[in-house]
Amino acid sequence: EFIRVPADEMTCVIDNSEMKISASPVKHLIPTIGLRIDFKASQKAFAYSCDTEPCQQVVMLAHQVDVLVHEATGPFVGHSSAGQAGEIAQQAGAHELRLSGNWRDRSIYRGQAANRR
């Protein structure tokens, strides 16, 4: 079933006896949302940033979650670096951070590191 998600912060997408899923718009080149899933039986919570620059919406979604999966493709427009993802996780009080991203061309990172020396 397709569910159209409004572009409002912390919009409830699904709320049933097993879980509550909330969504917020995040900062990317195209309209994109981050998600938070609260599992009712276990009282555990999970958040996923999707592709985004650092933003307060992810901090809110990830507030006190057990696991935050945050993209870390690099410090480019519409994306975050691993360090920026760590800062978001710390601000949110996330218990665990897992990174995701598209790292096909690692030479980009070597070039950036060389330019910072």
N, C-alpha and C. Protein backbone atom coordinates (compact mmCIF):
# COMPACT_ATOMS: atom_id res chain seq x y z
N GLU A 1 0.84 -1.18 0.00
CA GLU A 1 0.00 0.00 0.00
C GLU A 1 0.88 1.24 0.00
N PHE A 2 0.62 2.15 -0.91
CA PHE A 2 1.35 3.41 -1.01
C PHE A 2 0.78 4.41 -0.01
N ILE A 3 1.66 5.04 0.75
CA ILE A 3 1.23 6.05 1.71
C ILE A 3 1.95 7.34 1.38
N ARG A 4 1.21 8.37 0.99
CA ARG A 4 1.81 9.67 0.70
C ARG A 4 2.17 10.32 2.04
N VAL A 5 3.43 10.78 2.14
CA VAL A 5 3.92 11.36 3.38
C VAL A 5 3.98 12.87 3.24
N PRO A 6 3.27 13.60 4.10
CA PRO A 6 3.36 15.06 4.05
C PRO A 6 4.78 15.52 4.39
N ALA A 7 5.14 16.68 3.92
CA ALA A 7 6.48 17.23 4.16
C ALA A 7 6.54 17.96 5.49
N ASP A 8 5.94 17.40 6.52
CA ASP A 8 5.95 17.99 7.86
C ASP A 8 6.90 17.18 8.74
N GLU A 9 7.45 17.82 9.75
CA GLU A 9 8.36 17.14 10.67
C GLU A 9 7.60 16.18 11.57
N MET A 10 8.22 15.03 11.81
CA MET A 10 7.70 13.99 12.70
C MET A 10 6.26 13.59 12.35
N THR A 11 6.00 13.41 11.07
CA THR A 11 4.69 12.95 10.60
C THR A 11 4.54 11.47 10.89
N CYS A 12 3.45 11.09 11.52
CA CYS A 12 3.16 9.68 11.76
C CYS A 12 2.72 9.05 10.44
N VAL A 13 3.45 8.02 10.01
CA VAL A 13 3.16 7.33 8.75
C VAL A 13 2.35 6.08 9.03
N ILE A 14 2.76 5.32 10.02
CA ILE A 14 2.07 4.09 10.42
C ILE A 14 2.08 4.03 11.94
N ASP A 15 0.97 3.64 12.51
CA ASP A 15 0.88 3.43 13.96
C ASP A 15 -0.05 2.25 14.17
N ASN A 16 0.53 1.12 14.55
CA ASN A 16 -0.29 -0.07 14.80
C ASN A 16 0.16 -0.71 16.11
N SER A 17 -0.28 -1.92 16.38
CA SER A 17 0.04 -2.55 17.66
C SER A 17 1.52 -2.94 17.77
N GLU A 18 2.22 -3.05 16.65
CA GLU A 18 3.62 -3.47 16.67
C GLU A 18 4.61 -2.32 16.65
N MET A 19 4.29 -1.26 15.90
CA MET A 19 5.27 -0.19 15.72
C MET A 19 4.60 1.13 15.36
N LYS A 20 5.40 2.17 15.53
CA LYS A 20 5.02 3.49 15.04
C LYS A 20 6.16 3.96 14.14
N ILE A 21 5.82 4.40 12.93
CA ILE A 21 6.82 4.91 12.01
C ILE A 21 6.54 6.39 11.78
N SER A 22 7.57 7.20 12.00
CA SER A 22 7.47 8.65 11.80
C SER A 22 8.46 9.07 10.72
N ALA A 23 8.13 10.13 10.01
CA ALA A 23 9.00 10.64 8.94
C ALA A 23 9.16 12.14 9.06
N SER A 24 10.31 12.62 8.63
CA SER A 24 10.58 14.06 8.56
C SER A 24 11.36 14.34 7.28
N PRO A 25 11.11 15.49 6.66
CA PRO A 25 11.93 15.84 5.50
C PRO A 25 13.36 16.11 5.96
N VAL A 26 14.32 15.72 5.14
CA VAL A 26 15.73 15.98 5.43
C VAL A 26 16.31 16.82 4.29
N LYS A 27 17.55 17.19 4.41
CA LYS A 27 18.15 18.16 3.47
C LYS A 27 18.98 17.45 2.40
N HIS A 28 18.38 17.29 1.22
CA HIS A 28 19.04 16.63 0.10
C HIS A 28 18.73 17.43 -1.17
N LEU A 29 19.27 16.99 -2.28
CA LEU A 29 19.07 17.71 -3.55
C LEU A 29 17.65 17.55 -4.10
N ILE A 30 17.00 16.46 -3.72
CA ILE A 30 15.61 16.21 -4.11
C ILE A 30 14.82 15.97 -2.83
N PRO A 31 13.50 16.06 -2.87
CA PRO A 31 12.73 15.79 -1.65
C PRO A 31 13.03 14.38 -1.11
N THR A 32 13.42 14.34 0.14
CA THR A 32 13.84 13.09 0.79
C THR A 32 13.37 13.12 2.23
N ILE A 33 13.07 11.94 2.78
CA ILE A 33 12.66 11.85 4.17
C ILE A 33 13.59 10.94 4.96
N GLY A 34 13.69 11.22 6.24
CA GLY A 34 14.32 10.32 7.19
C GLY A 34 13.20 9.63 7.95
N LEU A 35 13.52 8.49 8.56
CA LEU A 35 12.50 7.69 9.24
C LEU A 35 12.91 7.33 10.66
N ARG A 36 11.91 7.17 11.51
CA ARG A 36 12.10 6.65 12.86
C ARG A 36 11.07 5.55 13.06
N ILE A 37 11.54 4.41 13.58
CA ILE A 37 10.64 3.30 13.88
C ILE A 37 10.75 3.01 15.37
N ASP A 38 9.62 3.11 16.06
CA ASP A 38 9.54 2.75 17.47
C ASP A 38 8.82 1.41 17.57
N PHE A 39 9.53 0.40 18.09
CA PHE A 39 8.96 -0.94 18.25
C PHE A 39 8.31 -1.03 19.63
N LYS A 40 7.01 -1.25 19.65
CA LYS A 40 6.26 -1.13 20.89
C LYS A 40 6.56 -2.24 21.90
N ALA A 41 6.65 -3.48 21.46
CA ALA A 41 6.86 -4.60 22.40
C ALA A 41 8.22 -4.52 23.07
N SER A 42 9.25 -4.22 22.31
CA SER A 42 10.62 -4.20 22.85
C SER A 42 11.02 -2.83 23.41
N GLN A 43 10.23 -1.82 23.09
CA GLN A 43 10.55 -0.45 23.49
C GLN A 43 11.89 0.01 22.89
N LYS A 44 12.24 -0.55 21.74
CA LYS A 44 13.45 -0.17 21.01
C LYS A 44 13.08 0.82 19.92
N ALA A 45 14.07 1.62 19.50
CA ALA A 45 13.83 2.60 18.44
C ALA A 45 15.00 2.61 17.47
N PHE A 46 14.69 2.87 16.21
CA PHE A 46 15.65 2.85 15.11
C PHE A 46 15.37 4.08 14.25
N ALA A 47 16.43 4.74 13.79
CA ALA A 47 16.25 5.87 12.87
C ALA A 47 17.16 5.70 11.67
N TYR A 48 16.69 6.19 10.52
CA TYR A 48 17.45 6.14 9.27
C TYR A 48 17.41 7.52 8.65
N SER A 49 18.60 8.06 8.35
CA SER A 49 18.68 9.43 7.87
C SER A 49 18.33 9.60 6.40
N CYS A 50 18.56 8.57 5.59
CA CYS A 50 18.51 8.69 4.14
C CYS A 50 19.63 9.66 3.71
N ASP A 51 19.74 9.99 2.43
CA ASP A 51 20.76 10.94 1.99
C ASP A 51 20.40 12.33 2.51
N THR A 52 21.33 12.95 3.23
CA THR A 52 21.05 14.27 3.80
C THR A 52 22.33 14.98 4.23
N GLU A 53 22.26 16.27 4.18
CA GLU A 53 23.25 17.09 4.87
C GLU A 53 22.89 17.09 6.35
N PRO A 54 23.81 17.42 7.23
CA PRO A 54 23.45 17.50 8.65
C PRO A 54 22.27 18.46 8.84
N CYS A 55 21.28 18.02 9.62
CA CYS A 55 20.10 18.86 9.86
C CYS A 55 19.42 18.46 11.16
N GLN A 56 18.69 19.39 11.74
CA GLN A 56 17.99 19.16 13.01
C GLN A 56 16.90 18.12 12.90
N GLN A 57 16.35 17.91 11.71
CA GLN A 57 15.30 16.91 11.54
C GLN A 57 15.83 15.52 11.89
N VAL A 58 17.07 15.22 11.51
CA VAL A 58 17.63 13.91 11.84
C VAL A 58 17.91 13.83 13.34
N VAL A 59 18.35 14.91 13.94
CA VAL A 59 18.56 14.93 15.39
C VAL A 59 17.24 14.59 16.09
N MET A 60 16.15 15.18 15.65
CA MET A 60 14.84 14.90 16.26
C MET A 60 14.41 13.45 16.02
N LEU A 61 14.57 12.97 14.79
CA LEU A 61 14.19 11.58 14.49
C LEU A 61 15.00 10.59 15.33
N ALA A 62 16.26 10.90 15.56
CA ALA A 62 17.16 9.97 16.23
C ALA A 62 17.24 10.18 17.74
N HIS A 63 16.40 11.03 18.29
CA HIS A 63 16.46 11.31 19.72
C HIS A 63 16.36 10.02 20.54
N GLN A 64 17.44 9.71 21.25
CA GLN A 64 17.52 8.56 22.16
C GLN A 64 17.21 7.21 21.49
N VAL A 65 17.48 7.07 20.20
CA VAL A 65 17.25 5.77 19.54
C VAL A 65 18.32 4.77 19.95
N ASP A 66 18.00 3.51 19.79
CA ASP A 66 18.97 2.46 20.05
C ASP A 66 20.00 2.41 18.92
N VAL A 67 19.53 2.58 17.67
CA VAL A 67 20.42 2.54 16.51
C VAL A 67 20.03 3.65 15.54
N LEU A 68 21.03 4.42 15.11
CA LEU A 68 20.86 5.39 14.04
C LEU A 68 21.71 4.93 12.86
N VAL A 69 21.07 4.75 11.70
CA VAL A 69 21.79 4.49 10.46
C VAL A 69 21.82 5.82 9.72
N HIS A 70 23.02 6.35 9.54
CA HIS A 70 23.17 7.67 8.92
C HIS A 70 24.06 7.55 7.70
N GLU A 71 23.65 8.16 6.61
CA GLU A 71 24.48 8.11 5.40
C GLU A 71 25.72 8.95 5.62
N ALA A 72 26.83 8.50 5.02
CA ALA A 72 28.10 9.19 5.18
C ALA A 72 28.89 9.09 3.87
N THR A 73 28.27 9.52 2.79
CA THR A 73 28.92 9.47 1.49
C THR A 73 30.09 10.44 1.42
N GLY A 74 29.99 11.54 2.12
CA GLY A 74 31.06 12.53 2.14
C GLY A 74 30.49 13.92 2.32
N PRO A 75 31.35 14.88 2.60
CA PRO A 75 30.88 16.24 2.86
C PRO A 75 30.56 16.99 1.57
N PHE A 76 29.59 16.49 0.85
CA PHE A 76 29.17 17.08 -0.41
C PHE A 76 27.76 17.62 -0.26
N VAL A 77 27.34 18.46 -1.18
CA VAL A 77 25.98 19.00 -1.15
C VAL A 77 24.99 17.83 -1.12
N GLY A 78 24.08 17.86 -0.17
CA GLY A 78 23.06 16.82 -0.06
C GLY A 78 23.50 15.58 0.69
N HIS A 79 24.72 15.59 1.23
CA HIS A 79 25.26 14.41 1.92
C HIS A 79 25.99 14.81 3.19
N SER A 80 26.44 13.80 3.93
CA SER A 80 27.17 14.03 5.18
C SER A 80 28.45 13.22 5.18
N SER A 81 29.41 13.68 5.94
CA SER A 81 30.64 12.91 6.17
C SER A 81 30.42 12.00 7.38
N ALA A 82 31.34 11.07 7.60
CA ALA A 82 31.26 10.21 8.78
C ALA A 82 31.34 11.05 10.05
N GLY A 83 32.20 12.06 10.07
CA GLY A 83 32.31 12.94 11.24
C GLY A 83 31.03 13.69 11.52
N GLN A 84 30.41 14.19 10.46
CA GLN A 84 29.13 14.91 10.63
C GLN A 84 28.05 13.97 11.15
N ALA A 85 28.03 12.73 10.64
CA ALA A 85 27.06 11.75 11.13
C ALA A 85 27.29 11.47 12.61
N GLY A 86 28.56 11.40 13.01
CA GLY A 86 28.88 11.20 14.43
C GLY A 86 28.39 12.35 15.29
N GLU A 87 28.53 13.56 14.80
CA GLU A 87 28.04 14.73 15.54
C GLU A 87 26.52 14.68 15.70
N ILE A 88 25.82 14.30 14.63
CA ILE A 88 24.36 14.18 14.70
C ILE A 88 23.96 13.12 15.73
N ALA A 89 24.64 11.96 15.69
CA ALA A 89 24.34 10.89 16.64
C ALA A 89 24.55 11.34 18.07
N GLN A 90 25.62 12.08 18.29
CA GLN A 90 25.92 12.58 19.64
C GLN A 90 24.86 13.58 20.10
N GLN A 91 24.49 14.51 19.22
CA GLN A 91 23.45 15.50 19.56
C GLN A 91 22.12 14.82 19.88
N ALA A 92 21.83 13.73 19.17
CA ALA A 92 20.55 13.04 19.34
C ALA A 92 20.55 12.11 20.55
N GLY A 93 21.72 11.79 21.06
CA GLY A 93 21.80 10.82 22.15
C GLY A 93 21.57 9.40 21.67
N ALA A 94 21.89 9.12 20.41
CA ALA A 94 21.74 7.77 19.86
C ALA A 94 22.73 6.84 20.56
N HIS A 95 22.30 5.63 20.87
CA HIS A 95 23.15 4.67 21.57
C HIS A 95 24.17 4.01 20.65
N GLU A 96 23.81 3.86 19.38
CA GLU A 96 24.70 3.23 18.41
C GLU A 96 24.54 3.92 17.06
N LEU A 97 25.65 4.08 16.34
CA LEU A 97 25.64 4.69 15.01
C LEU A 97 26.19 3.70 14.01
N ARG A 98 25.48 3.52 12.93
CA ARG A 98 25.94 2.72 11.79
C ARG A 98 25.95 3.64 10.59
N LEU A 99 27.00 3.55 9.78
CA LEU A 99 27.13 4.42 8.61
C LEU A 99 26.75 3.68 7.34
N SER A 100 26.14 4.42 6.42
CA SER A 100 25.83 3.89 5.10
C SER A 100 26.26 4.93 4.08
N GLY A 101 26.43 4.52 2.84
CA GLY A 101 26.79 5.48 1.82
C GLY A 101 27.28 4.81 0.56
N ASN A 102 27.56 5.64 -0.41
CA ASN A 102 28.05 5.17 -1.70
C ASN A 102 29.51 5.57 -1.79
N TRP A 103 30.39 4.61 -1.56
CA TRP A 103 31.82 4.91 -1.51
C TRP A 103 32.55 4.27 -2.69
N ARG A 104 31.98 4.31 -3.87
CA ARG A 104 32.61 3.68 -5.02
C ARG A 104 33.95 4.30 -5.37
N ASP A 105 34.04 5.61 -5.30
CA ASP A 105 35.27 6.30 -5.70
C ASP A 105 35.98 6.83 -4.46
N ARG A 106 36.78 5.98 -3.84
CA ARG A 106 37.48 6.37 -2.61
C ARG A 106 38.57 7.40 -2.87
N SER A 107 38.97 7.58 -4.13
CA SER A 107 40.00 8.57 -4.43
C SER A 107 39.53 9.98 -4.09
N ILE A 108 38.23 10.20 -4.10
CA ILE A 108 37.68 11.50 -3.70
C ILE A 108 38.13 11.83 -2.29
N TYR A 109 38.06 10.83 -1.39
CA TYR A 109 38.43 11.06 -0.01
C TYR A 109 39.93 11.28 0.14
N ARG A 110 40.73 10.53 -0.62
CA ARG A 110 42.19 10.71 -0.56
C ARG A 110 42.54 12.13 -1.01
N GLY A 111 41.87 12.61 -2.05
CA GLY A 111 42.10 13.97 -2.53
C GLY A 111 41.73 15.02 -1.51
N GLN A 112 40.60 14.80 -0.84
CA GLN A 112 40.18 15.75 0.19
C GLN A 112 41.15 15.76 1.35
N ALA A 113 41.62 14.58 1.75
CA ALA A 113 42.56 14.48 2.87
C ALA A 113 43.86 15.17 2.51
N ALA A 114 44.33 15.00 1.27
CA ALA A 114 45.58 15.63 0.85
C ALA A 114 45.45 17.14 0.82
N ASN A 115 44.28 17.64 0.44
CA ASN A 115 44.07 19.08 0.38
C ASN A 115 44.02 19.72 1.75
N ARG A 116 43.73 18.94 2.79
CA ARG A 116 43.62 19.48 4.15
C ARG A 116 44.97 19.55 4.85
N ARG A 117 46.00 18.92 4.28
CA ARG A 117 47.32 18.91 4.94
C ARG A 117 48.02 20.23 4.79
